[in-house]
Amino acid sequence: MADPVLATGNGADFALLMQARRRLRDLVVQLEMAPFADRTAASMRAYLDEDAGPAQAAFARWAALPKAARDTLAARMRQEQP
């Protein structure tokens, strides 16, 4: 089987999904700590304006991969999380 990272745009989608995952984790922390703070609202808007569209497109390409490729990428994402 070909490397699923290469099958999704030479790793660009993988990097984009990892970045989105980190940013969403940060947003979750902000929502837990200060759900009504202006900074939290600004962070959420910035994510939606800057990252959500490309991340959604990358996720759609990931979801279209065969299950074995998705499983391989998901395992790699778990290994690379901080």
Protein backbone atom coordinates (compact mmCIF):
# COMPACT_ATOMS: atom_id res chain seq x y z
CA MET A 1 0.00 0.00 0.00
CA ALA A 2 1.23 3.51 -0.78
CA ASP A 3 2.05 5.81 2.11
CA PRO A 4 -1.28 7.45 3.06
CA VAL A 5 0.49 10.70 3.97
CA LEU A 6 1.79 10.96 0.43
CA ALA A 7 -1.64 10.04 -0.92
CA THR A 8 -3.11 13.12 0.78
CA GLY A 9 -0.93 15.73 -0.86
CA ASN A 10 2.65 14.90 0.07
CA GLY A 11 1.96 15.34 3.74
CA ALA A 12 0.37 18.78 3.48
CA ASP A 13 -3.04 17.54 4.63
CA PHE A 14 -1.45 15.64 7.50
CA ALA A 15 0.37 18.77 8.67
CA LEU A 16 -2.79 20.84 8.30
CA LEU A 17 -4.85 18.37 10.32
CA MET A 18 -2.19 18.23 13.04
CA GLN A 19 -2.12 22.03 13.23
CA ALA A 20 -5.93 22.18 13.40
CA ARG A 21 -5.94 19.54 16.13
CA ARG A 22 -3.46 21.53 18.24
CA ARG A 23 -5.37 24.76 17.74
CA LEU A 24 -8.67 23.12 18.65
CA ARG A 25 -7.10 21.68 21.80
CA ASP A 26 -6.04 25.21 22.76
CA LEU A 27 -9.58 26.44 22.11
CA VAL A 28 -11.02 23.72 24.34
CA VAL A 29 -8.75 24.85 27.17
CA GLN A 30 -9.83 28.46 26.68
CA LEU A 31 -13.49 27.43 26.66
CA GLU A 32 -13.01 25.50 29.90
CA MET A 33 -11.05 28.24 31.66
CA ALA A 34 -12.71 31.42 30.38
CA PRO A 35 -15.73 30.63 28.21
CA PHE A 36 -17.02 34.20 28.09
CA ALA A 37 -13.73 36.06 27.80
CA ASP A 38 -13.15 38.33 24.83
CA ARG A 39 -9.91 36.48 24.10
CA THR A 40 -11.77 33.16 23.84
CA ALA A 41 -14.30 34.62 21.43
CA ALA A 42 -11.51 36.18 19.36
CA SER A 43 -9.62 32.88 19.25
CA MET A 44 -12.72 31.03 18.10
CA ARG A 45 -13.43 33.60 15.38
CA ALA A 46 -9.82 33.50 14.22
CA TYR A 47 -9.91 29.71 13.98
CA LEU A 48 -13.12 29.81 11.95
CA ASP A 49 -11.80 32.58 9.69
CA GLU A 50 -8.29 31.18 9.16
CA ASP A 51 -8.16 27.41 9.68
CA ALA A 52 -11.59 25.81 9.66
CA GLY A 53 -12.13 25.82 5.88
CA PRO A 54 -8.77 24.29 4.92
CA ALA A 55 -8.99 21.81 7.82
CA GLN A 56 -12.48 20.76 6.75
CA ALA A 57 -11.27 20.20 3.17
CA ALA A 58 -8.26 18.18 4.40
CA PHE A 59 -10.54 16.13 6.63
CA ALA A 60 -12.86 15.42 3.68
CA ARG A 61 -9.88 14.13 1.67
CA TRP A 62 -8.78 12.03 4.67
CA ALA A 63 -12.29 10.62 5.07
CA ALA A 64 -12.29 9.59 1.39
CA LEU A 65 -9.19 7.40 1.88
CA PRO A 66 -9.58 3.65 2.36
CA LYS A 67 -10.07 2.61 5.99
CA ALA A 68 -6.58 1.10 6.28
CA ALA A 69 -4.99 4.37 5.17
CA ARG A 70 -7.15 6.36 7.60
CA ASP A 71 -6.17 4.01 10.43
CA THR A 72 -2.48 4.42 9.58
CA LEU A 73 -2.76 8.22 9.54
CA ALA A 74 -4.76 8.27 12.78
CA ALA A 75 -2.09 6.17 14.48
CA ARG A 76 0.60 8.52 13.19
CA MET A 77 -1.36 11.53 14.48
CA ARG A 78 -1.60 9.94 17.93
CA GLN A 79 2.16 9.31 17.94
CA GLU A 80 2.96 12.90 17.01
CA GLN A 81 0.72 14.61 19.52
CA PRO A 82 2.56 16.66 22.15
